[in-house]
Amino acid sequence: RHPRQGPADAVEVVRYVALLVTATGVGR
């Protein structure tokens, strides 16, 4: 609903999804 737009999109998306993955118990 509220995506971050701009040149850092790819970096931000990877960081965000990696953060979700860490909630499964996987290290950062």
mmCIF file of all heavy atoms, coordinates in Angstrom:
data_MODEL
# 
_entry.id   MODEL 
# 
loop_
_atom_site.group_PDB 
_atom_site.id 
_atom_site.type_symbol 
_atom_site.label_atom_id 
_atom_site.label_alt_id 
_atom_site.label_comp_id 
_atom_site.label_asym_id 
_atom_site.label_entity_id 
_atom_site.label_seq_id 
_atom_site.pdbx_PDB_ins_code 
_atom_site.Cartn_x 
_atom_site.Cartn_y 
_atom_site.Cartn_z 
_atom_site.occupancy 
_atom_site.B_iso_or_equiv 
_atom_site.pdbx_formal_charge 
_atom_site.auth_seq_id 
_atom_site.auth_comp_id 
_atom_site.auth_asym_id 
_atom_site.auth_atom_id 
_atom_site.pdbx_PDB_model_num 
ATOM 1   N N   . ARG A 1 1  ? 0.825  -1.207  0.000  1.00 0.00 ? 1  ARG A N   1 
ATOM 2   C CA  . ARG A 1 1  ? 0.000  0.000   0.000  1.00 0.00 ? 1  ARG A CA  1 
ATOM 3   C C   . ARG A 1 1  ? 0.859  1.257   0.000  1.00 0.00 ? 1  ARG A C   1 
ATOM 4   O O   . ARG A 1 1  ? 0.508  2.276   -0.599 1.00 0.00 ? 1  ARG A O   1 
ATOM 5   C CB  . ARG A 1 1  ? -0.919 0.012   1.217  1.00 0.00 ? 1  ARG A CB  1 
ATOM 6   C CG  . ARG A 1 1  ? -1.871 1.214   1.257  1.00 0.00 ? 1  ARG A CG  1 
ATOM 7   C CD  . ARG A 1 1  ? -2.582 1.288   2.589  1.00 0.00 ? 1  ARG A CD  1 
ATOM 8   N NE  . ARG A 1 1  ? -3.491 0.187   2.790  1.00 0.00 ? 1  ARG A NE  1 
ATOM 9   C CZ  . ARG A 1 1  ? -4.755 0.166   2.391  1.00 0.00 ? 1  ARG A CZ  1 
ATOM 10  N NH1 . ARG A 1 1  ? -5.252 1.198   1.731  1.00 0.00 ? 1  ARG A NH1 1 
ATOM 11  N NH2 . ARG A 1 1  ? -5.520 -0.867  2.627  1.00 0.00 ? 1  ARG A NH2 1 
ATOM 12  N N   . HIS A 1 2  ? 1.993  1.209   0.699  1.00 0.00 ? 2  HIS A N   1 
ATOM 13  C CA  . HIS A 1 2  ? 2.847  2.390   0.826  1.00 0.00 ? 2  HIS A CA  1 
ATOM 14  C C   . HIS A 1 2  ? 4.291  2.023   0.459  1.00 0.00 ? 2  HIS A C   1 
ATOM 15  O O   . HIS A 1 2  ? 5.184  2.041   1.314  1.00 0.00 ? 2  HIS A O   1 
ATOM 16  C CB  . HIS A 1 2  ? 2.810  2.931   2.254  1.00 0.00 ? 2  HIS A CB  1 
ATOM 17  C CG  . HIS A 1 2  ? 1.435  3.300   2.711  1.00 0.00 ? 2  HIS A CG  1 
ATOM 18  N ND1 . HIS A 1 2  ? 0.735  4.358   2.181  1.00 0.00 ? 2  HIS A ND1 1 
ATOM 19  C CD2 . HIS A 1 2  ? 0.628  2.740   3.650  1.00 0.00 ? 2  HIS A CD2 1 
ATOM 20  C CE1 . HIS A 1 2  ? -0.447 4.445   2.773  1.00 0.00 ? 2  HIS A CE1 1 
ATOM 21  N NE2 . HIS A 1 2  ? -0.534 3.475   3.663  1.00 0.00 ? 2  HIS A NE2 1 
ATOM 22  N N   . PRO A 1 3  ? 4.531  1.694   -0.814 1.00 0.00 ? 3  PRO A N   1 
ATOM 23  C CA  . PRO A 1 3  ? 5.898  1.323   -1.206 1.00 0.00 ? 3  PRO A CA  1 
ATOM 24  C C   . PRO A 1 3  ? 6.822  2.520   -1.197 1.00 0.00 ? 3  PRO A C   1 
ATOM 25  O O   . PRO A 1 3  ? 6.405  3.652   -1.448 1.00 0.00 ? 3  PRO A O   1 
ATOM 26  C CB  . PRO A 1 3  ? 5.713  0.788   -2.637 1.00 0.00 ? 3  PRO A CB  1 
ATOM 27  C CG  . PRO A 1 3  ? 4.527  1.534   -3.150 1.00 0.00 ? 3  PRO A CG  1 
ATOM 28  C CD  . PRO A 1 3  ? 3.614  1.693   -1.958 1.00 0.00 ? 3  PRO A CD  1 
ATOM 29  N N   . ARG A 1 4  ? 8.095  2.281   -0.900 1.00 0.00 ? 4  ARG A N   1 
ATOM 30  C CA  . ARG A 1 4  ? 9.094  3.340   -1.010 1.00 0.00 ? 4  ARG A CA  1 
ATOM 31  C C   . ARG A 1 4  ? 9.569  3.387   -2.455 1.00 0.00 ? 4  ARG A C   1 
ATOM 32  O O   . ARG A 1 4  ? 9.966  2.375   -3.014 1.00 0.00 ? 4  ARG A O   1 
ATOM 33  C CB  . ARG A 1 4  ? 10.264 3.073   -0.069 1.00 0.00 ? 4  ARG A CB  1 
ATOM 34  C CG  . ARG A 1 4  ? 9.866  3.100   1.394  1.00 0.00 ? 4  ARG A CG  1 
ATOM 35  C CD  . ARG A 1 4  ? 11.073 2.955   2.294  1.00 0.00 ? 4  ARG A CD  1 
ATOM 36  N NE  . ARG A 1 4  ? 10.687 2.886   3.687  1.00 0.00 ? 4  ARG A NE  1 
ATOM 37  C CZ  . ARG A 1 4  ? 11.545 2.777   4.684  1.00 0.00 ? 4  ARG A CZ  1 
ATOM 38  N NH1 . ARG A 1 4  ? 12.840 2.713   4.440  1.00 0.00 ? 4  ARG A NH1 1 
ATOM 39  N NH2 . ARG A 1 4  ? 11.115 2.721   5.934  1.00 0.00 ? 4  ARG A NH2 1 
ATOM 40  N N   . GLN A 1 5  ? 9.549  4.574   -3.026 1.00 0.00 ? 5  GLN A N   1 
ATOM 41  C CA  . GLN A 1 5  ? 9.927  4.710   -4.421 1.00 0.00 ? 5  GLN A CA  1 
ATOM 42  C C   . GLN A 1 5  ? 11.225 5.503   -4.537 1.00 0.00 ? 5  GLN A C   1 
ATOM 43  O O   . GLN A 1 5  ? 11.563 6.287   -3.655 1.00 0.00 ? 5  GLN A O   1 
ATOM 44  C CB  . GLN A 1 5  ? 8.816  5.425   -5.195 1.00 0.00 ? 5  GLN A CB  1 
ATOM 45  C CG  . GLN A 1 5  ? 7.483  4.676   -5.135 1.00 0.00 ? 5  GLN A CG  1 
ATOM 46  C CD  . GLN A 1 5  ? 6.386  5.470   -5.771 1.00 0.00 ? 5  GLN A CD  1 
ATOM 47  O OE1 . GLN A 1 5  ? 6.486  5.862   -6.926 1.00 0.00 ? 5  GLN A OE1 1 
ATOM 48  N NE2 . GLN A 1 5  ? 5.330  5.726   -5.035 1.00 0.00 ? 5  GLN A NE2 1 
ATOM 49  N N   . GLY A 1 6  ? 11.924 5.262   -5.652 1.00 0.00 ? 6  GLY A N   1 
ATOM 50  C CA  . GLY A 1 6  ? 13.169 5.981   -5.867 1.00 0.00 ? 6  GLY A CA  1 
ATOM 51  C C   . GLY A 1 6  ? 14.304 5.045   -6.195 1.00 0.00 ? 6  GLY A C   1 
ATOM 52  O O   . GLY A 1 6  ? 14.123 3.837   -6.305 1.00 0.00 ? 6  GLY A O   1 
ATOM 53  N N   . PRO A 1 7  ? 15.511 5.575   -6.323 1.00 0.00 ? 7  PRO A N   1 
ATOM 54  C CA  . PRO A 1 7  ? 16.654 4.754   -6.749 1.00 0.00 ? 7  PRO A CA  1 
ATOM 55  C C   . PRO A 1 7  ? 17.039 3.657   -5.764 1.00 0.00 ? 7  PRO A C   1 
ATOM 56  O O   . PRO A 1 7  ? 17.723 2.715   -6.127 1.00 0.00 ? 7  PRO A O   1 
ATOM 57  C CB  . PRO A 1 7  ? 17.788 5.782   -6.903 1.00 0.00 ? 7  PRO A CB  1 
ATOM 58  C CG  . PRO A 1 7  ? 17.366 6.942   -6.049 1.00 0.00 ? 7  PRO A CG  1 
ATOM 59  C CD  . PRO A 1 7  ? 15.874 6.982   -6.149 1.00 0.00 ? 7  PRO A CD  1 
ATOM 60  N N   . ALA A 1 8  ? 16.622 3.794   -4.496 1.00 0.00 ? 8  ALA A N   1 
ATOM 61  C CA  . ALA A 1 8  ? 17.006 2.787   -3.491 1.00 0.00 ? 8  ALA A CA  1 
ATOM 62  C C   . ALA A 1 8  ? 15.978 1.674   -3.364 1.00 0.00 ? 8  ALA A C   1 
ATOM 63  O O   . ALA A 1 8  ? 16.049 0.872   -2.449 1.00 0.00 ? 8  ALA A O   1 
ATOM 64  C CB  . ALA A 1 8  ? 17.205 3.464   -2.130 1.00 0.00 ? 8  ALA A CB  1 
ATOM 65  N N   . ASP A 1 9  ? 15.023 1.596   -4.304 1.00 0.00 ? 9  ASP A N   1 
ATOM 66  C CA  . ASP A 1 9  ? 13.958 0.602   -4.197 1.00 0.00 ? 9  ASP A CA  1 
ATOM 67  C C   . ASP A 1 9  ? 14.479 -0.813  -3.975 1.00 0.00 ? 9  ASP A C   1 
ATOM 68  O O   . ASP A 1 9  ? 14.031 -1.507  -3.077 1.00 0.00 ? 9  ASP A O   1 
ATOM 69  C CB  . ASP A 1 9  ? 13.103 0.602   -5.478 1.00 0.00 ? 9  ASP A CB  1 
ATOM 70  C CG  . ASP A 1 9  ? 12.043 1.687   -5.434 1.00 0.00 ? 9  ASP A CG  1 
ATOM 71  O OD1 . ASP A 1 9  ? 11.796 2.201   -4.354 1.00 0.00 ? 9  ASP A OD1 1 
ATOM 72  O OD2 . ASP A 1 9  ? 11.476 1.991   -6.492 1.00 0.00 ? 9  ASP A OD2 1 
ATOM 73  N N   . ALA A 1 10 ? 15.421 -1.252  -4.823 1.00 0.00 ? 10 ALA A N   1 
ATOM 74  C CA  . ALA A 1 10 ? 15.903 -2.626  -4.753 1.00 0.00 ? 10 ALA A CA  1 
ATOM 75  C C   . ALA A 1 10 ? 16.543 -2.914  -3.407 1.00 0.00 ? 10 ALA A C   1 
ATOM 76  O O   . ALA A 1 10 ? 16.280 -3.946  -2.782 1.00 0.00 ? 10 ALA A O   1 
ATOM 77  C CB  . ALA A 1 10 ? 16.885 -2.904  -5.887 1.00 0.00 ? 10 ALA A CB  1 
ATOM 78  N N   . VAL A 1 11 ? 17.382 -2.011  -2.940 1.00 0.00 ? 11 VAL A N   1 
ATOM 79  C CA  . VAL A 1 11 ? 18.048 -2.185  -1.647 1.00 0.00 ? 11 VAL A CA  1 
ATOM 80  C C   . VAL A 1 11 ? 17.024 -2.238  -0.519 1.00 0.00 ? 11 VAL A C   1 
ATOM 81  O O   . VAL A 1 11 ? 17.090 -3.102  0.373  1.00 0.00 ? 11 VAL A O   1 
ATOM 82  C CB  . VAL A 1 11 ? 19.054 -1.043  -1.401 1.00 0.00 ? 11 VAL A CB  1 
ATOM 83  C CG1 . VAL A 1 11 ? 19.638 -1.137  0.003  1.00 0.00 ? 11 VAL A CG1 1 
ATOM 84  C CG2 . VAL A 1 11 ? 20.158 -1.084  -2.436 1.00 0.00 ? 11 VAL A CG2 1 
ATOM 85  N N   . GLU A 1 12 ? 16.046 -1.320  -0.561 1.00 0.00 ? 12 GLU A N   1 
ATOM 86  C CA  . GLU A 1 12 ? 15.036 -1.275  0.491  1.00 0.00 ? 12 GLU A CA  1 
ATOM 87  C C   . GLU A 1 12 ? 14.187 -2.539  0.508  1.00 0.00 ? 12 GLU A C   1 
ATOM 88  O O   . GLU A 1 12 ? 13.861 -3.069  1.573  1.00 0.00 ? 12 GLU A O   1 
ATOM 89  C CB  . GLU A 1 12 ? 14.139 -0.049  0.299  1.00 0.00 ? 12 GLU A CB  1 
ATOM 90  C CG  . GLU A 1 12 ? 14.824 1.285   0.520  1.00 0.00 ? 12 GLU A CG  1 
ATOM 91  C CD  . GLU A 1 12 ? 15.193 1.527   1.974  1.00 0.00 ? 12 GLU A CD  1 
ATOM 92  O OE1 . GLU A 1 12 ? 14.666 0.823   2.844  1.00 0.00 ? 12 GLU A OE1 1 
ATOM 93  O OE2 . GLU A 1 12 ? 16.011 2.427   2.230  1.00 0.00 ? 12 GLU A OE2 1 
ATOM 94  N N   . VAL A 1 13 ? 13.815 -3.015  -0.675 1.00 0.00 ? 13 VAL A N   1 
ATOM 95  C CA  . VAL A 1 13 ? 12.988 -4.224  -0.752 1.00 0.00 ? 13 VAL A CA  1 
ATOM 96  C C   . VAL A 1 13 ? 13.739 -5.427  -0.207 1.00 0.00 ? 13 VAL A C   1 
ATOM 97  O O   . VAL A 1 13 ? 13.198 -6.214  0.575  1.00 0.00 ? 13 VAL A O   1 
ATOM 98  C CB  . VAL A 1 13 ? 12.521 -4.474  -2.200 1.00 0.00 ? 13 VAL A CB  1 
ATOM 99  C CG1 . VAL A 1 13 ? 11.966 -5.887  -2.358 1.00 0.00 ? 13 VAL A CG1 1 
ATOM 100 C CG2 . VAL A 1 13 ? 11.464 -3.454  -2.596 1.00 0.00 ? 13 VAL A CG2 1 
ATOM 101 N N   . VAL A 1 14 ? 14.990 -5.588  -0.607 1.00 0.00 ? 14 VAL A N   1 
ATOM 102 C CA  . VAL A 1 14 ? 15.787 -6.718  -0.114 1.00 0.00 ? 14 VAL A CA  1 
ATOM 103 C C   . VAL A 1 14 ? 15.921 -6.658  1.400  1.00 0.00 ? 14 VAL A C   1 
ATOM 104 O O   . VAL A 1 14 ? 15.769 -7.667  2.097  1.00 0.00 ? 14 VAL A O   1 
ATOM 105 C CB  . VAL A 1 14 ? 17.173 -6.743  -0.791 1.00 0.00 ? 14 VAL A CB  1 
ATOM 106 C CG1 . VAL A 1 14 ? 18.099 -7.735  -0.082 1.00 0.00 ? 14 VAL A CG1 1 
ATOM 107 C CG2 . VAL A 1 14 ? 17.045 -7.119  -2.258 1.00 0.00 ? 14 VAL A CG2 1 
ATOM 108 N N   . ARG A 1 15 ? 16.183 -5.490  1.936  1.00 0.00 ? 15 ARG A N   1 
ATOM 109 C CA  . ARG A 1 15 ? 16.306 -5.343  3.393  1.00 0.00 ? 15 ARG A CA  1 
ATOM 110 C C   . ARG A 1 15 ? 15.000 -5.681  4.098  1.00 0.00 ? 15 ARG A C   1 
ATOM 111 O O   . ARG A 1 15 ? 14.991 -6.334  5.149  1.00 0.00 ? 15 ARG A O   1 
ATOM 112 C CB  . ARG A 1 15 ? 16.736 -3.918  3.737  1.00 0.00 ? 15 ARG A CB  1 
ATOM 113 C CG  . ARG A 1 15 ? 18.196 -3.619  3.437  1.00 0.00 ? 15 ARG A CG  1 
ATOM 114 C CD  . ARG A 1 15 ? 18.513 -2.170  3.750  1.00 0.00 ? 15 ARG A CD  1 
ATOM 115 N NE  . ARG A 1 15 ? 19.922 -1.851  3.501  1.00 0.00 ? 15 ARG A NE  1 
ATOM 116 C CZ  . ARG A 1 15 ? 20.415 -0.629  3.520  1.00 0.00 ? 15 ARG A CZ  1 
ATOM 117 N NH1 . ARG A 1 15 ? 19.619 0.408   3.769  1.00 0.00 ? 15 ARG A NH1 1 
ATOM 118 N NH2 . ARG A 1 15 ? 21.703 -0.424  3.301  1.00 0.00 ? 15 ARG A NH2 1 
ATOM 119 N N   . TYR A 1 16 ? 13.898 -5.222  3.523  1.00 0.00 ? 16 TYR A N   1 
ATOM 120 C CA  . TYR A 1 16 ? 12.601 -5.456  4.146  1.00 0.00 ? 16 TYR A CA  1 
ATOM 121 C C   . TYR A 1 16 ? 12.253 -6.938  4.138  1.00 0.00 ? 16 TYR A C   1 
ATOM 122 O O   . TYR A 1 16 ? 11.823 -7.496  5.162  1.00 0.00 ? 16 TYR A O   1 
ATOM 123 C CB  . TYR A 1 16 ? 11.519 -4.652  3.423  1.00 0.00 ? 16 TYR A CB  1 
ATOM 124 C CG  . TYR A 1 16 ? 10.165 -4.742  4.069  1.00 0.00 ? 16 TYR A CG  1 
ATOM 125 C CD1 . TYR A 1 16 ? 9.896  -4.074  5.256  1.00 0.00 ? 16 TYR A CD1 1 
ATOM 126 C CD2 . TYR A 1 16 ? 9.146  -5.502  3.495  1.00 0.00 ? 16 TYR A CD2 1 
ATOM 127 C CE1 . TYR A 1 16 ? 8.651  -4.157  5.855  1.00 0.00 ? 16 TYR A CE1 1 
ATOM 128 C CE2 . TYR A 1 16 ? 7.908  -5.587  4.083  1.00 0.00 ? 16 TYR A CE2 1 
ATOM 129 C CZ  . TYR A 1 16 ? 7.658  -4.913  5.264  1.00 0.00 ? 16 TYR A CZ  1 
ATOM 130 O OH  . TYR A 1 16 ? 6.415  -4.999  5.857  1.00 0.00 ? 16 TYR A OH  1 
ATOM 131 N N   . VAL A 1 17 ? 12.421 -7.584  2.983  1.00 0.00 ? 17 VAL A N   1 
ATOM 132 C CA  . VAL A 1 17 ? 12.105 -9.015  2.895  1.00 0.00 ? 17 VAL A CA  1 
ATOM 133 C C   . VAL A 1 17 ? 13.050 -9.825  3.779  1.00 0.00 ? 17 VAL A C   1 
ATOM 134 O O   . VAL A 1 17 ? 12.629 -10.772 4.447  1.00 0.00 ? 17 VAL A O   1 
ATOM 135 C CB  . VAL A 1 17 ? 12.157 -9.496  1.431  1.00 0.00 ? 17 VAL A CB  1 
ATOM 136 C CG1 . VAL A 1 17 ? 12.063 -11.020 1.347  1.00 0.00 ? 17 VAL A CG1 1 
ATOM 137 C CG2 . VAL A 1 17 ? 11.032 -8.847  0.628  1.00 0.00 ? 17 VAL A CG2 1 
ATOM 138 N N   . ALA A 1 18 ? 14.330 -9.447  3.818  1.00 0.00 ? 18 ALA A N   1 
ATOM 139 C CA  . ALA A 1 18 ? 15.276 -10.146 4.699  1.00 0.00 ? 18 ALA A CA  1 
ATOM 140 C C   . ALA A 1 18 ? 14.840 -10.005 6.157  1.00 0.00 ? 18 ALA A C   1 
ATOM 141 O O   . ALA A 1 18 ? 14.975 -10.947 6.947  1.00 0.00 ? 18 ALA A O   1 
ATOM 142 C CB  . ALA A 1 18 ? 16.681 -9.584  4.499  1.00 0.00 ? 18 ALA A CB  1 
ATOM 143 N N   . LEU A 1 19 ? 14.307 -8.826  6.519  1.00 0.00 ? 19 LEU A N   1 
ATOM 144 C CA  . LEU A 1 19 ? 13.804 -8.629  7.882  1.00 0.00 ? 19 LEU A CA  1 
ATOM 145 C C   . LEU A 1 19 ? 12.653 -9.582  8.172  1.00 0.00 ? 19 LEU A C   1 
ATOM 146 O O   . LEU A 1 19 ? 12.577 -10.177 9.264  1.00 0.00 ? 19 LEU A O   1 
ATOM 147 C CB  . LEU A 1 19 ? 13.345 -7.178  8.057  1.00 0.00 ? 19 LEU A CB  1 
ATOM 148 C CG  . LEU A 1 19 ? 12.759 -6.817  9.430  1.00 0.00 ? 19 LEU A CG  1 
ATOM 149 C CD1 . LEU A 1 19 ? 13.821 -6.949  10.518 1.00 0.00 ? 19 LEU A CD1 1 
ATOM 150 C CD2 . LEU A 1 19 ? 12.200 -5.395  9.407  1.00 0.00 ? 19 LEU A CD2 1 
ATOM 151 N N   . LEU A 1 20 ? 11.763 -9.760  7.200  1.00 0.00 ? 20 LEU A N   1 
ATOM 152 C CA  . LEU A 1 20 ? 10.668 -10.718 7.380  1.00 0.00 ? 20 LEU A CA  1 
ATOM 153 C C   . LEU A 1 20 ? 11.205 -12.138 7.545  1.00 0.00 ? 20 LEU A C   1 
ATOM 154 O O   . LEU A 1 20 ? 10.697 -12.910 8.361  1.00 0.00 ? 20 LEU A O   1 
ATOM 155 C CB  . LEU A 1 20 ? 9.720  -10.655 6.184  1.00 0.00 ? 20 LEU A CB  1 
ATOM 156 C CG  . LEU A 1 20 ? 8.967  -9.341  5.954  1.00 0.00 ? 20 LEU A CG  1 
ATOM 157 C CD1 . LEU A 1 20 ? 8.085  -9.453  4.715  1.00 0.00 ? 20 LEU A CD1 1 
ATOM 158 C CD2 . LEU A 1 20 ? 8.133  -8.954  7.163  1.00 0.00 ? 20 LEU A CD2 1 
ATOM 159 N N   . VAL A 1 21 ? 12.229 -12.463 6.776  1.00 0.00 ? 21 VAL A N   1 
ATOM 160 C CA  . VAL A 1 21 ? 12.820 -13.804 6.854  1.00 0.00 ? 21 VAL A CA  1 
ATOM 161 C C   . VAL A 1 21 ? 13.446 -14.043 8.225  1.00 0.00 ? 21 VAL A C   1 
ATOM 162 O O   . VAL A 1 21 ? 13.375 -15.154 8.761  1.00 0.00 ? 21 VAL A O   1 
ATOM 163 C CB  . VAL A 1 21 ? 13.861 -14.003 5.734  1.00 0.00 ? 21 VAL A CB  1 
ATOM 164 C CG1 . VAL A 1 21 ? 14.637 -15.310 5.923  1.00 0.00 ? 21 VAL A CG1 1 
ATOM 165 C CG2 . VAL A 1 21 ? 13.183 -13.989 4.362  1.00 0.00 ? 21 VAL A CG2 1 
ATOM 166 N N   . THR A 1 22 ? 14.032 -13.001 8.824  1.00 0.00 ? 22 THR A N   1 
ATOM 167 C CA  . THR A 1 22 ? 14.659 -13.187 10.146 1.00 0.00 ? 22 THR A CA  1 
ATOM 168 C C   . THR A 1 22 ? 13.644 -13.584 11.208 1.00 0.00 ? 22 THR A C   1 
ATOM 169 O O   . THR A 1 22 ? 14.000 -14.223 12.198 1.00 0.00 ? 22 THR A O   1 
ATOM 170 C CB  . THR A 1 22 ? 15.386 -11.908 10.620 1.00 0.00 ? 22 THR A CB  1 
ATOM 171 O OG1 . THR A 1 22 ? 14.437 -10.845 10.771 1.00 0.00 ? 22 THR A OG1 1 
ATOM 172 C CG2 . THR A 1 22 ? 16.482 -11.499 9.668  1.00 0.00 ? 22 THR A CG2 1 
ATOM 173 N N   . ALA A 1 23 ? 12.383 -13.221 10.997 1.00 0.00 ? 23 ALA A N   1 
ATOM 174 C CA  . ALA A 1 23 ? 11.356 -13.570 11.982 1.00 0.00 ? 23 ALA A CA  1 
ATOM 175 C C   . ALA A 1 23 ? 11.127 -15.075 12.059 1.00 0.00 ? 23 ALA A C   1 
ATOM 176 O O   . ALA A 1 23 ? 10.522 -15.567 13.010 1.00 0.00 ? 23 ALA A O   1 
ATOM 177 C CB  . ALA A 1 23 ? 10.045 -12.853 11.660 1.00 0.00 ? 23 ALA A CB  1 
ATOM 178 N N   . THR A 1 24 ? 11.611 -15.826 11.074 1.00 0.00 ? 24 THR A N   1 
ATOM 179 C CA  . THR A 1 24 ? 11.494 -17.283 11.112 1.00 0.00 ? 24 THR A CA  1 
ATOM 180 C C   . THR A 1 24 ? 12.605 -17.914 11.952 1.00 0.00 ? 24 THR A C   1 
ATOM 181 O O   . THR A 1 24 ? 12.645 -19.135 12.107 1.00 0.00 ? 24 THR A O   1 
ATOM 182 C CB  . THR A 1 24 ? 11.558 -17.868 9.689  1.00 0.00 ? 24 THR A CB  1 
ATOM 183 O OG1 . THR A 1 24 ? 12.862 -17.626 9.133  1.00 0.00 ? 24 THR A OG1 1 
ATOM 184 C CG2 . THR A 1 24 ? 10.506 -17.239 8.792  1.00 0.00 ? 24 THR A CG2 1 
ATOM 185 N N   . GLY A 1 25 ? 13.505 -17.081 12.455 1.00 0.00 ? 25 GLY A N   1 
ATOM 186 C CA  . GLY A 1 25 ? 14.607 -17.593 13.265 1.00 0.00 ? 25 GLY A CA  1 
ATOM 187 C C   . GLY A 1 25 ? 15.932 -17.615 12.538 1.00 0.00 ? 25 GLY A C   1 
ATOM 188 O O   . GLY A 1 25 ? 16.963 -17.978 13.122 1.00 0.00 ? 25 GLY A O   1 
ATOM 189 N N   . VAL A 1 26 ? 15.934 -17.218 11.275 1.00 0.00 ? 26 VAL A N   1 
ATOM 190 C CA  . VAL A 1 26 ? 17.174 -17.153 10.496 1.00 0.00 ? 26 VAL A CA  1 
ATOM 191 C C   . VAL A 1 26 ? 17.936 -15.885 10.876 1.00 0.00 ? 26 VAL A C   1 
ATOM 192 O O   . VAL A 1 26 ? 17.336 -14.831 11.086 1.00 0.00 ? 26 VAL A O   1 
ATOM 193 C CB  . VAL A 1 26 ? 16.854 -17.143 8.983  1.00 0.00 ? 26 VAL A CB  1 
ATOM 194 C CG1 . VAL A 1 26 ? 18.112 -16.943 8.155  1.00 0.00 ? 26 VAL A CG1 1 
ATOM 195 C CG2 . VAL A 1 26 ? 16.155 -18.439 8.587  1.00 0.00 ? 26 VAL A CG2 1 
ATOM 196 N N   . GLY A 1 27 ? 19.266 -15.975 10.968 1.00 0.00 ? 27 GLY A N   1 
ATOM 197 C CA  . GLY A 1 27 ? 20.084 -14.811 11.299 1.00 0.00 ? 27 GLY A CA  1 
ATOM 198 C C   . GLY A 1 27 ? 20.009 -13.749 10.213 1.00 0.00 ? 27 GLY A C   1 
ATOM 199 O O   . GLY A 1 27 ? 19.704 -14.034 9.052  1.00 0.00 ? 27 GLY A O   1 
ATOM 200 N N   . ARG A 1 28 ? 20.333 -12.499 10.585 1.00 0.00 ? 28 ARG A N   1 
ATOM 201 C CA  . ARG A 1 28 ? 20.203 -11.381 9.648  1.00 0.00 ? 28 ARG A CA  1 
ATOM 202 C C   . ARG A 1 28 ? 21.074 -11.571 8.405  1.00 0.00 ? 28 ARG A C   1 
ATOM 203 O O   . ARG A 1 28 ? 20.596 -11.402 7.275  1.00 0.00 ? 28 ARG A O   1 
ATOM 204 C CB  . ARG A 1 28 ? 20.582 -10.075 10.349 1.00 0.00 ? 28 ARG A CB  1 
ATOM 205 C CG  . ARG A 1 28 ? 20.531 -8.846  9.454  1.00 0.00 ? 28 ARG A CG  1 
ATOM 206 C CD  . ARG A 1 28 ? 20.887 -7.589  10.238 1.00 0.00 ? 28 ARG A CD  1 
ATOM 207 N NE  . ARG A 1 28 ? 20.934 -6.425  9.357  1.00 0.00 ? 28 ARG A NE  1 
ATOM 208 C CZ  . ARG A 1 28 ? 21.980 -6.088  8.619  1.00 0.00 ? 28 ARG A CZ  1 
ATOM 209 N NH1 . ARG A 1 28 ? 23.078 -6.833  8.648  1.00 0.00 ? 28 ARG A NH1 1 
ATOM 210 N NH2 . ARG A 1 28 ? 21.950 -5.010  7.847  1.00 0.00 ? 28 ARG A NH2 1 
# 
